[in-house]
Amino acid sequence: MNESGRLRAVLFDLDGVLTPTAAVHMRAWREIFESVFVAHSLAPAYTDVDYFAHVDGRPRYDAVDALLRTRGLTAPWGSPSDGPDAETVCGIGNRKNARFEELLSHDGVEPYPDAIDALDAIAAVAMPAAVVSSSRNARDVLAAAGIADRFDVVVDGNVAEREALSGKPAPDTFLRAADLLGVTAEEAVVVEDAVAGVAAGRAGDFGLVIGVDRGAGADALRTAGADLVLTSLTALREVLLDA
């Protein structure tokens, strides 16, 4: 944890921290994996426990590979250009993304009220903020939620691919965001709801790593390296003042 009292920037995950799109991702993943499990006779059945343990916070293709390996299936990786019908890691990942986009287009998205409280708090003290997301849809989600203008920097799955940055739980994307904001890791706060994201913040030696318990579980977030766990981002103002 930062001991200097000089926290100068906040790095937010997106899905599950700022917007409830984690629930949309969970639904899309569940539909796709249930279909894949039936097609390949995989057992035991896919559950939300799998999502939090192996999928949440990871880059899309890494998540597919990690989850299938838990059932003893090593699928061919394929290529990002694979169609959604391809039975490859990339094809399954692209199938999930297509379903996510359908759900997002149909249902829309609103930011969490406590996320707006947190963004208002850091804006009041002119603290720069970034979004660091494994999702390639991050900018679309931010625009749909009406909060795109709240962030100085967005490091998403597209940036990670373009700059060859390793995804969470590696710290690379968070470190890149801090660099773009002009702060050191020690001067930045990571705010994450996923075990993989918290682990990335801890691996990067960030000044403060906050876990937001939206379902992963407080114990799991602490074990992954969270300095503290919140159930609401409304408390972020007091946390930053006390840090």
Foldseek 3Di string as FASTA:
>chain_A
DQPPLQQFEEEEAPDPTWWVLVVLLVVLVLVLQQVVCVVVVFDDHDDVVLCQPQNPQAQQLSSLQRSVVVRVDHFAQDDCPDDCVDRHSNNSSVVSVVSSVVVCVVPFIATDPLSVLLLVLCVVVPGAYEYQGQDPCVCVNCVSHVNNVSHPYYHYNVNCVVVVNHGFVAQRSVQVVCVVVPHGQLNYEYEEAGLRSLLNNVNRVHNAYEHAPPPSDQVSSVVSPHPYYHPGNNCVSVVSVVD
